[in-house]
């Protein structure tokens, strides 16, 4: 079978599918997004199906032939999965190895043993940020919340003082830092440089997580002063494991792909010669696929074998890690199909033409679009994918740093004000034993702070880079 590149797949769906004017296209976009929102929020339809139906509805409202709409959707789906599907799978494997081996517990226990009193919120945000790099948000919550509850109970800390920093660390990683699905899809859609985006993402993430985590938690603890719910406090299974990976080896494994990608970005900037042997080596080693693959292979020894896993147990761990991401891959793929339908319908060009007369900066426009979709659907991933498709033409001709900042602006907007249509809202509410009002005053406000502060630092970087 002939191998097709991502560019080839994407090109299969390119080309105008309709000659509708801007007014009709604008109505079609609103109608398509409305269909997605209603299907997700009212009918509780899975996001994969909602995005698929919404893409077809967009083509119908735009007056495009159904055959061309289907072609655009399937081409976009295939290109997106080809671009980021393997990376998501590798990230899931690394996360499962980290959790099952007890490596995550080793990081938690080592840092907590050295943190006391006022340092505890800072320790929690550090733990969440490090562990949150390879883990999906929901997995990170399930892994870290029991730790938060135990620390709050045994150390007699305010639950919000400990919990908010941990949630902030996870959320910032989820929205701004690859290899999480949202940032990866936006990087792929906007053709951004992953290494540069990762480096700038870290610059934005560090001050953002400090403000939204340890600093905001002081106020959150005053607004909502509740104890850790006793019925949710459980012992961590991995804590009883006889053998656990060492702290240094675990941190090395988690940070290996990040370091490789950052080195590639640095060499690309300093050397800037594709023919140079050093740059050729770093281009390969620092590519997302190789960097994550290297971390997974190294992790099988530093995490799996260190925990006493047999070959059969390692194989079972990898197999277990892949099943839960099937839904994520389908959502991401369908989002890519929706994005391609938007592009082929000419929506991107329409926004490009209209924005010429607007006084809204490109970064702010991208953030506002992501915010709107986030508020409507409750999904950060759907918001990122859809916004990336809408603003993709604005990235044409932009510098490498400009495109990376556009990705980060979209990522920041996708985190804005989580509320009752977001599964993460209910997950946090139930784990912390809060009411809806208390969850809004803590979790929802924290997410909004991350979004606004993140945008602020993105805009500041755009002034100096």
Protein backbone atom coordinates (compact mmCIF):
# COMPACT_ATOMS: atom_id res chain seq x y z
CA UNK A 1 0.00 0.00 0.00
CA UNK A 2 1.37 3.40 -0.93
CA UNK A 3 2.35 5.55 2.06
CA UNK A 4 0.78 9.00 2.12
CA UNK A 5 2.25 11.93 4.02
CA UNK A 6 0.20 14.18 6.26
CA UNK A 7 0.51 16.95 3.69
CA UNK A 8 -0.81 14.62 0.97
CA UNK A 9 -3.77 13.62 3.08
CA UNK A 10 -4.55 17.22 3.91
CA UNK A 11 -4.25 18.22 0.30
CA UNK A 12 -6.82 15.61 -0.67
CA UNK A 13 -9.49 17.69 0.96
CA UNK A 14 -8.27 21.11 -0.03
CA UNK A 15 -9.89 23.28 -2.62
CA UNK A 16 -13.13 25.22 -2.35
CA UNK A 17 -16.18 23.04 -1.83
CA UNK A 18 -18.62 25.92 -2.28
CA UNK A 19 -18.83 29.33 -3.90
CA UNK A 20 -21.04 30.78 -1.16
CA UNK A 21 -20.56 34.41 -0.20
CA UNK A 22 -19.29 35.64 3.16
CA UNK A 23 -22.78 36.11 4.57
CA UNK A 24 -23.86 32.57 3.80
CA UNK A 25 -20.54 31.19 5.02
CA UNK A 26 -20.86 33.13 8.27
CA UNK A 27 -24.35 31.71 8.82
CA UNK A 28 -23.06 28.22 7.95
CA UNK A 29 -20.25 28.47 10.51
CA UNK A 30 -22.62 29.61 13.26
CA UNK A 31 -25.10 26.89 12.34
CA UNK A 32 -22.41 24.19 12.26
CA UNK A 33 -21.02 25.22 15.64
CA UNK A 34 -24.56 25.51 17.05
CA UNK A 35 -25.29 21.94 15.93
CA UNK A 36 -22.15 20.71 17.70
CA UNK A 37 -22.96 22.65 20.87
CA UNK A 38 -26.57 21.45 21.01
CA UNK A 39 -25.64 17.83 20.35
CA UNK A 40 -23.00 17.86 23.12
CA UNK A 41 -24.82 19.93 25.73
CA UNK A 42 -28.48 19.07 25.21
CA UNK A 43 -28.52 15.60 23.71
CA UNK A 44 -25.30 14.50 25.49
CA UNK A 45 -23.99 13.04 22.24
CA UNK A 46 -20.36 11.94 22.17
CA UNK A 47 -18.08 14.70 20.87
CA UNK A 48 -16.87 12.48 17.99
CA UNK A 49 -20.40 12.08 16.65
CA UNK A 50 -21.26 15.73 17.33
CA UNK A 51 -18.22 16.96 15.40
CA UNK A 52 -18.99 14.60 12.52
CA UNK A 53 -22.63 15.71 12.26
CA UNK A 54 -21.61 19.36 12.72
CA UNK A 55 -19.11 19.13 9.87
CA UNK A 56 -21.74 17.72 7.52
CA UNK A 57 -24.23 20.37 8.68
CA UNK A 58 -21.69 23.09 7.94
CA UNK A 59 -21.32 21.83 4.37
CA UNK A 60 -25.09 21.67 3.90
CA UNK A 61 -25.67 25.20 5.22
CA UNK A 62 -22.82 26.49 3.04
CA UNK A 63 -24.47 24.98 -0.03
CA UNK A 64 -21.64 22.53 -0.74
CA UNK A 65 -22.17 19.16 -2.45
CA UNK A 66 -22.33 16.42 0.16
CA UNK A 67 -19.67 14.36 -1.63
CA UNK A 68 -17.15 17.21 -1.38
CA UNK A 69 -18.02 17.86 2.26
CA UNK A 70 -17.47 14.20 3.10
CA UNK A 71 -14.17 14.24 1.19
CA UNK A 72 -12.97 17.28 3.15
CA UNK A 73 -14.01 15.80 6.46
CA UNK A 74 -12.36 12.41 5.90
CA UNK A 75 -9.18 14.01 4.56
CA UNK A 76 -8.93 16.26 7.60
CA UNK A 77 -9.63 13.37 9.96
CA UNK A 78 -6.94 11.22 8.34
CA UNK A 79 -4.36 14.02 8.28
CA UNK A 80 -4.93 14.88 11.95
CA UNK A 81 -4.73 11.30 13.19
CA UNK A 82 -1.64 10.73 11.06
CA UNK A 83 -0.07 13.87 12.48
CA UNK A 84 -0.78 13.46 16.18
CA UNK A 85 -2.32 10.01 16.73
CA UNK A 86 0.98 8.20 17.31
CA UNK A 87 2.16 10.96 19.64
CA UNK A 88 -0.98 10.69 21.75
CA UNK A 89 -0.54 6.92 21.92
CA UNK A 90 3.10 7.20 23.00
CA UNK A 91 2.17 9.78 25.64
CA UNK A 92 -0.50 7.44 26.98
CA UNK A 93 1.98 4.56 27.23
CA UNK A 94 4.50 6.72 29.10
CA UNK A 95 1.78 7.93 31.46
CA UNK A 96 0.61 4.39 32.22
CA UNK A 97 4.18 3.25 32.89
CA UNK A 98 4.64 6.18 35.24
CA UNK A 99 1.46 5.37 37.17
CA UNK A 100 1.61 1.56 37.29
CA UNK A 101 5.29 1.31 38.20
CA UNK A 102 4.94 3.61 41.18
CA UNK A 103 7.16 6.22 39.54
CA UNK A 104 4.53 8.90 40.05
CA UNK A 105 4.31 7.98 43.73
CA UNK A 106 8.09 8.17 44.02
CA UNK A 107 8.05 11.74 42.70
CA UNK A 108 5.20 12.67 45.02
CA UNK A 109 6.71 11.11 48.15
CA UNK A 110 10.21 12.48 47.54
CA UNK A 111 9.04 16.05 47.05
CA UNK A 112 6.54 15.95 49.92
CA UNK A 113 9.22 14.61 52.27
CA UNK A 114 11.20 17.78 51.65
CA UNK A 115 8.31 20.27 51.76
CA UNK A 116 6.78 21.53 54.97
CA UNK A 117 4.44 24.32 56.01
CA UNK A 118 4.27 27.20 53.57
CA UNK A 119 6.30 25.31 51.00
CA UNK A 120 3.58 22.68 50.61
CA UNK A 121 1.45 24.53 47.98
CA UNK A 122 4.62 25.10 45.93
CA UNK A 123 5.50 21.44 46.26
CA UNK A 124 2.04 20.45 45.02
CA UNK A 125 2.25 22.65 41.95
CA UNK A 126 5.71 21.25 41.18
CA UNK A 127 4.47 17.67 41.53
CA UNK A 128 1.43 18.30 39.32
CA UNK A 129 3.49 20.08 36.66
CA UNK A 130 6.09 17.33 36.41
CA UNK A 131 3.62 14.46 36.48
CA UNK A 132 1.21 16.35 34.23
CA UNK A 133 3.70 16.46 31.35
CA UNK A 134 3.03 12.92 30.05
CA UNK A 135 -0.42 12.36 31.59
CA UNK A 136 -3.83 13.33 30.24
CA UNK A 137 -5.72 15.74 32.49
CA UNK A 138 -8.30 13.24 33.72
CA UNK A 139 -5.62 10.64 34.46
CA UNK A 140 -3.60 13.24 36.33
CA UNK A 141 -6.59 14.16 38.47
CA UNK A 142 -7.33 10.54 39.35
CA UNK A 143 -3.66 10.02 40.22
CA UNK A 144 -3.05 13.23 42.20
CA UNK A 145 -6.32 13.96 44.00
CA UNK A 146 -5.90 11.05 46.47
CA UNK A 147 -2.46 12.51 47.27
CA UNK A 148 -3.97 15.97 47.78
CA UNK A 149 -6.62 14.62 50.12
CA UNK A 150 -4.10 12.62 52.15
CA UNK A 151 -1.73 15.59 52.50
CA UNK A 152 -4.58 17.91 53.51
CA UNK A 153 -5.86 15.46 56.13
CA UNK A 154 -2.57 14.34 57.67
CA UNK A 155 -0.90 17.74 57.55
CA UNK A 156 -4.05 19.63 58.65
CA UNK A 157 -3.84 21.89 55.61
CA UNK A 158 -6.71 23.73 53.96
CA UNK A 159 -7.97 21.54 51.12
CA UNK A 160 -8.07 24.48 48.71
CA UNK A 161 -4.58 25.62 49.73
CA UNK A 162 -3.21 22.25 48.62
CA UNK A 163 -5.69 21.30 45.91
CA UNK A 164 -5.75 24.45 43.78
CA UNK A 165 -1.97 24.41 43.07
CA UNK A 166 -2.18 20.75 42.00
CA UNK A 167 -5.15 21.43 39.71
CA UNK A 168 -3.43 24.50 38.26
CA UNK A 169 -0.31 22.51 37.43
CA UNK A 170 -2.32 19.84 35.64
CA UNK A 171 -4.53 22.31 33.78
CA UNK A 172 -1.68 24.50 32.51
CA UNK A 173 0.18 21.46 31.20
CA UNK A 174 -3.03 20.24 29.53
CA UNK A 175 -3.75 23.51 27.73
CA UNK A 176 -0.33 24.85 26.82
CA UNK A 177 2.31 22.15 26.70
CA UNK A 178 2.67 19.36 24.13
CA UNK A 179 2.42 16.32 23.99
CA UNK A 180 -1.13 16.92 25.22
CA UNK A 181 -3.72 16.47 22.42
CA UNK A 182 -4.96 20.08 22.24
CA UNK A 183 -1.57 21.78 21.76
CA UNK A 184 -0.44 19.02 19.38
CA UNK A 185 -3.49 19.47 17.15
CA UNK A 186 -3.09 23.26 17.11
CA UNK A 187 0.61 22.92 16.24
CA UNK A 188 -0.30 20.56 13.41
CA UNK A 189 -3.12 22.77 12.10
CA UNK A 190 -1.08 25.98 12.16
CA UNK A 191 2.16 24.28 11.00
CA UNK A 192 3.95 25.63 14.05
CA UNK A 193 7.40 24.53 15.17
CA UNK A 194 6.88 22.12 18.06
CA UNK A 195 10.19 22.85 19.78
CA UNK A 196 9.70 26.61 19.68
CA UNK A 197 6.10 26.24 20.85
CA UNK A 198 7.24 24.02 23.71
CA UNK A 199 9.94 26.48 24.76
CA UNK A 200 7.60 29.49 24.66
CA UNK A 201 4.89 27.40 26.31
CA UNK A 202 7.18 26.76 29.27
CA UNK A 203 7.92 30.50 29.52
CA UNK A 204 4.19 31.24 29.65
CA UNK A 205 3.31 28.26 31.84
CA UNK A 206 5.71 28.95 34.74
CA UNK A 207 4.41 32.39 35.81
CA UNK A 208 0.84 31.43 34.91
CA UNK A 209 0.81 28.37 37.13
CA UNK A 210 2.39 30.33 40.00
CA UNK A 211 -0.32 32.99 39.87
CA UNK A 212 -3.24 30.60 39.37
CA UNK A 213 -1.86 28.00 41.78
CA UNK A 214 -0.04 28.91 45.02
CA UNK A 215 -0.98 32.61 44.92
CA UNK A 216 -4.69 32.22 44.08
CA UNK A 217 -5.04 29.30 46.50
CA UNK A 218 -4.69 31.76 49.40
CA UNK A 219 -7.94 33.43 48.39
CA UNK A 220 -9.66 30.19 47.37
CA UNK A 221 -8.96 28.79 50.85
CA UNK A 222 -10.72 31.80 52.40
CA UNK A 223 -13.72 31.59 50.08
CA UNK A 224 -14.19 27.84 50.46
CA UNK A 225 -12.86 26.47 53.75
CA UNK A 226 -13.75 22.77 53.76
CA UNK A 227 -12.01 19.64 55.07
CA UNK A 228 -10.96 16.74 52.87
CA UNK A 229 -14.01 14.46 52.41
CA UNK A 230 -13.33 11.30 54.43
CA UNK A 231 -15.16 9.02 52.00
CA UNK A 232 -12.78 10.03 49.19
CA UNK A 233 -9.52 9.47 51.12
CA UNK A 234 -7.99 6.21 49.94
CA UNK A 235 -4.56 4.65 50.06
CA UNK A 236 -2.70 4.62 46.75
CA UNK A 237 -2.24 1.05 45.46
CA UNK A 238 1.24 1.78 44.16
CA UNK A 239 2.33 3.03 47.57
CA UNK A 240 2.43 -0.58 48.78
CA UNK A 241 4.65 -1.76 45.92
CA UNK A 242 7.81 -3.49 47.14
CA UNK A 243 9.99 -2.08 44.36
CA UNK A 244 9.62 1.39 42.91
CA UNK A 245 11.72 3.32 40.38
CA UNK A 246 14.24 5.73 41.83
CA UNK A 247 13.39 9.42 41.90
CA UNK A 248 16.23 10.51 39.63
CA UNK A 249 15.53 7.86 37.02
CA UNK A 250 11.82 8.68 37.04
CA UNK A 251 12.32 12.42 36.56
CA UNK A 252 14.90 11.74 33.84
CA UNK A 253 12.40 9.58 31.95
CA UNK A 254 9.56 12.08 32.23
CA UNK A 255 11.69 15.03 31.13
CA UNK A 256 13.62 13.19 28.39
CA UNK A 257 11.23 14.03 25.50
CA UNK A 258 10.94 17.64 26.66
CA UNK A 259 14.73 18.05 26.79
CA UNK A 260 15.21 16.45 23.37
CA UNK A 261 12.64 18.75 21.76
CA UNK A 262 14.07 21.83 23.47
CA UNK A 263 17.60 20.93 22.35
CA UNK A 264 16.34 20.60 18.78
CA UNK A 265 14.71 24.03 18.96
CA UNK A 266 17.86 25.60 20.41
CA UNK A 267 20.14 24.03 17.77
CA UNK A 268 17.76 25.10 14.99
CA UNK A 269 18.03 28.71 16.19
CA UNK A 270 21.78 28.76 16.91
CA UNK A 271 23.08 26.65 14.00
CA UNK A 272 20.34 27.35 11.45
CA UNK A 273 21.96 25.12 8.81
CA UNK A 274 20.00 22.00 7.75
CA UNK A 275 23.20 20.53 6.28
CA UNK A 276 25.11 20.79 9.56
CA UNK A 277 25.72 17.29 11.08
CA UNK A 278 24.77 18.43 14.60
CA UNK A 279 21.50 19.92 13.45
CA UNK A 280 20.69 16.83 11.38
CA UNK A 281 21.14 14.64 14.46
CA UNK A 282 19.06 16.90 16.72
CA UNK A 283 16.37 17.24 14.05
CA UNK A 284 15.88 13.47 14.23
CA UNK A 285 16.37 13.00 17.98
CA UNK A 286 14.22 16.02 18.82
CA UNK A 287 11.33 15.18 16.52
CA UNK A 288 8.19 14.51 18.60
CA UNK A 289 7.90 10.91 17.41
CA UNK A 290 11.50 9.95 18.21
CA UNK A 291 11.59 11.94 21.47
CA UNK A 292 8.46 10.28 22.85
CA UNK A 293 9.41 6.87 21.50
CA UNK A 294 12.81 7.16 23.20
CA UNK A 295 11.13 8.08 26.49
CA UNK A 296 8.79 5.07 26.25
CA UNK A 297 11.63 2.65 25.48
CA UNK A 298 13.80 4.09 28.25
CA UNK A 299 10.80 4.02 30.59
CA UNK A 300 10.35 0.30 30.08
CA UNK A 301 13.70 -0.15 31.85
CA UNK A 302 13.87 2.83 34.24
CA UNK A 303 10.23 2.46 35.30
CA UNK A 304 8.91 -0.98 34.35
CA UNK A 305 11.93 -3.18 35.05
CA UNK A 306 12.82 -1.12 38.14
CA UNK A 307 9.36 -1.95 39.53
CA UNK A 308 9.94 -5.64 38.88
CA UNK A 309 7.69 -5.90 35.82
CA UNK A 310 8.08 -9.03 33.74
CA UNK A 311 7.98 -8.91 29.94
CA UNK A 312 4.37 -10.03 30.10
CA UNK A 313 3.49 -7.31 32.59
CA UNK A 314 5.16 -4.65 30.43
CA UNK A 315 3.20 -5.84 27.42
CA UNK A 316 -0.05 -5.78 29.42
CA UNK A 317 0.70 -2.26 30.66
CA UNK A 318 1.20 -0.99 27.12
CA UNK A 319 -2.02 -2.68 26.01
CA UNK A 320 -4.01 -1.18 28.90
CA UNK A 321 -2.69 2.30 28.11
CA UNK A 322 -4.02 2.29 24.54
CA UNK A 323 -7.65 1.31 25.13
CA UNK A 324 -8.70 4.49 27.04
CA UNK A 325 -7.38 6.83 24.35
CA UNK A 326 -9.60 5.46 21.57
CA UNK A 327 -12.24 8.10 22.33
CA UNK A 328 -9.64 10.86 22.47
CA UNK A 329 -8.21 9.87 19.09
CA UNK A 330 -11.69 9.83 17.54
CA UNK A 331 -12.53 13.26 18.97
CA UNK A 332 -9.22 14.71 17.82
CA UNK A 333 -9.65 13.14 14.37
CA UNK A 334 -13.21 14.40 13.98
CA UNK A 335 -12.04 17.82 15.11
CA UNK A 336 -9.44 17.74 12.35
CA UNK A 337 -12.20 16.82 9.90
CA UNK A 338 -14.27 19.77 11.09
CA UNK A 339 -11.23 22.03 10.74
CA UNK A 340 -10.62 20.87 7.15
CA UNK A 341 -14.29 21.37 6.29
CA UNK A 342 -14.05 24.92 7.60
CA UNK A 343 -10.94 25.58 5.53
CA UNK A 344 -12.29 24.03 2.33
CA UNK A 345 -15.54 25.95 2.69
CA UNK A 346 -13.50 29.14 2.60
CA UNK A 347 -14.25 30.16 6.18
CA UNK A 348 -10.62 30.82 6.99
CA UNK A 349 -10.26 33.14 4.03
CA UNK A 350 -13.49 34.87 5.03
CA UNK A 351 -12.12 35.55 8.52
CA UNK A 352 -8.86 36.74 7.01
CA UNK A 353 -10.70 39.24 4.81
CA UNK A 354 -12.99 40.44 7.59
CA UNK A 355 -10.19 40.76 10.15
CA UNK A 356 -8.35 43.22 7.91
CA UNK A 357 -10.90 45.84 8.94
CA UNK A 358 -10.95 44.87 12.62
CA UNK A 359 -8.84 46.52 15.27
CA UNK A 360 -8.53 43.21 17.14
CA UNK A 361 -4.99 41.78 17.26
CA UNK A 362 -4.62 38.29 15.78
CA UNK A 363 -3.59 36.72 19.11
CA UNK A 364 -6.57 38.23 20.91
CA UNK A 365 -8.93 37.15 18.12
CA UNK A 366 -7.67 33.56 18.33
CA UNK A 367 -8.12 33.61 22.12
CA UNK A 368 -11.67 34.99 21.87
CA UNK A 369 -12.72 32.33 19.36
CA UNK A 370 -11.34 29.56 21.60
CA UNK A 371 -13.07 31.11 24.64
CA UNK A 372 -16.43 31.19 22.86
CA UNK A 373 -16.25 27.54 21.81
CA UNK A 374 -14.97 26.49 25.25
CA UNK A 375 -17.90 28.20 27.00
CA UNK A 376 -20.36 26.63 24.59
CA UNK A 377 -19.07 23.04 24.49
CA UNK A 378 -17.19 22.66 27.76
CA UNK A 379 -14.35 20.85 26.00
CA UNK A 380 -10.87 22.38 25.91
CA UNK A 381 -9.84 19.96 23.16
CA UNK A 382 -12.84 20.76 20.96
CA UNK A 383 -12.26 24.49 21.53
CA UNK A 384 -8.60 24.18 20.54
CA UNK A 385 -9.29 22.11 17.43
CA UNK A 386 -12.12 24.31 16.17
CA UNK A 387 -10.34 27.59 16.89
CA UNK A 388 -7.19 26.35 15.18
CA UNK A 389 -9.19 25.57 12.05
CA UNK A 390 -10.83 28.98 12.05
CA UNK A 391 -7.66 31.03 12.50
CA UNK A 392 -5.28 28.85 10.46
CA UNK A 393 -5.15 31.35 7.55
CA UNK A 394 -4.06 34.08 9.97
CA UNK A 395 -0.86 32.09 10.58
CA UNK A 396 0.12 32.24 6.91
CA UNK A 397 3.26 34.30 6.53
CA UNK A 398 3.72 34.62 10.30
CA UNK A 399 7.15 34.10 11.84
CA UNK A 400 8.05 30.90 13.67
CA UNK A 401 7.60 32.58 17.04
CA UNK A 402 4.41 34.30 15.88
CA UNK A 403 2.82 31.00 14.90
CA UNK A 404 3.90 29.40 18.18
CA UNK A 405 2.35 32.27 20.15
CA UNK A 406 -0.87 31.84 18.16
CA UNK A 407 -0.99 28.20 19.29
CA UNK A 408 -0.50 29.30 22.91
CA UNK A 409 -3.21 31.97 22.63
CA UNK A 410 -5.65 29.33 21.43
CA UNK A 411 -4.56 26.99 24.22
CA UNK A 412 -5.08 29.68 26.85
CA UNK A 413 -8.54 30.49 25.48
CA UNK A 414 -9.53 26.82 25.57
CA UNK A 415 -9.20 26.79 29.38
CA UNK A 416 -11.49 29.75 30.10
CA UNK A 417 -14.15 29.32 32.85
CA UNK A 418 -14.91 25.62 33.14
CA UNK A 419 -18.54 25.23 34.22
CA UNK A 420 -21.37 22.71 34.32
CA UNK A 421 -20.96 21.47 30.72
CA UNK A 422 -17.36 20.37 31.39
CA UNK A 423 -16.67 16.84 32.68
CA UNK A 424 -13.64 18.16 34.55
CA UNK A 425 -15.92 20.48 36.56
CA UNK A 426 -17.89 17.54 37.94
CA UNK A 427 -14.77 15.44 38.51
CA UNK A 428 -13.24 18.16 40.72
CA UNK A 429 -16.55 18.82 42.46
CA UNK A 430 -17.07 15.19 43.47
CA UNK A 431 -13.47 14.48 44.48
CA UNK A 432 -13.33 17.57 46.70
CA UNK A 433 -16.86 17.16 48.03
CA UNK A 434 -17.89 20.69 47.05
CA UNK A 435 -21.21 22.20 46.04
CA UNK A 436 -21.71 23.63 42.55
CA UNK A 437 -21.32 27.15 43.93
CA UNK A 438 -18.09 26.29 45.73
CA UNK A 439 -16.70 24.65 42.60
CA UNK A 440 -17.50 27.77 40.58
CA UNK A 441 -15.72 30.00 43.14
CA UNK A 442 -12.58 27.87 43.15
CA UNK A 443 -12.03 25.60 40.14
CA UNK A 444 -13.88 27.79 37.60
CA UNK A 445 -12.17 30.98 38.77
CA UNK A 446 -8.78 29.23 38.71
CA UNK A 447 -9.35 28.14 35.09
CA UNK A 448 -10.30 31.69 34.14
CA UNK A 449 -7.16 33.07 35.80
CA UNK A 450 -5.03 30.59 33.84
CA UNK A 451 -6.71 31.63 30.60
CA UNK A 452 -6.44 35.39 31.13
CA UNK A 453 -2.95 35.38 32.66
CA UNK A 454 -1.74 32.99 29.96
CA UNK A 455 -3.01 35.35 27.27
CA UNK A 456 -1.34 38.27 29.04
CA UNK A 457 2.07 36.61 28.95
CA UNK A 458 1.56 35.54 25.33
CA UNK A 459 0.87 39.18 24.41
CA UNK A 460 3.95 40.31 26.36
CA UNK A 461 6.13 37.82 24.52
CA UNK A 462 4.72 39.03 21.21
CA UNK A 463 6.03 42.52 22.03
CA UNK A 464 9.61 41.39 22.61
CA UNK A 465 10.02 38.49 20.15
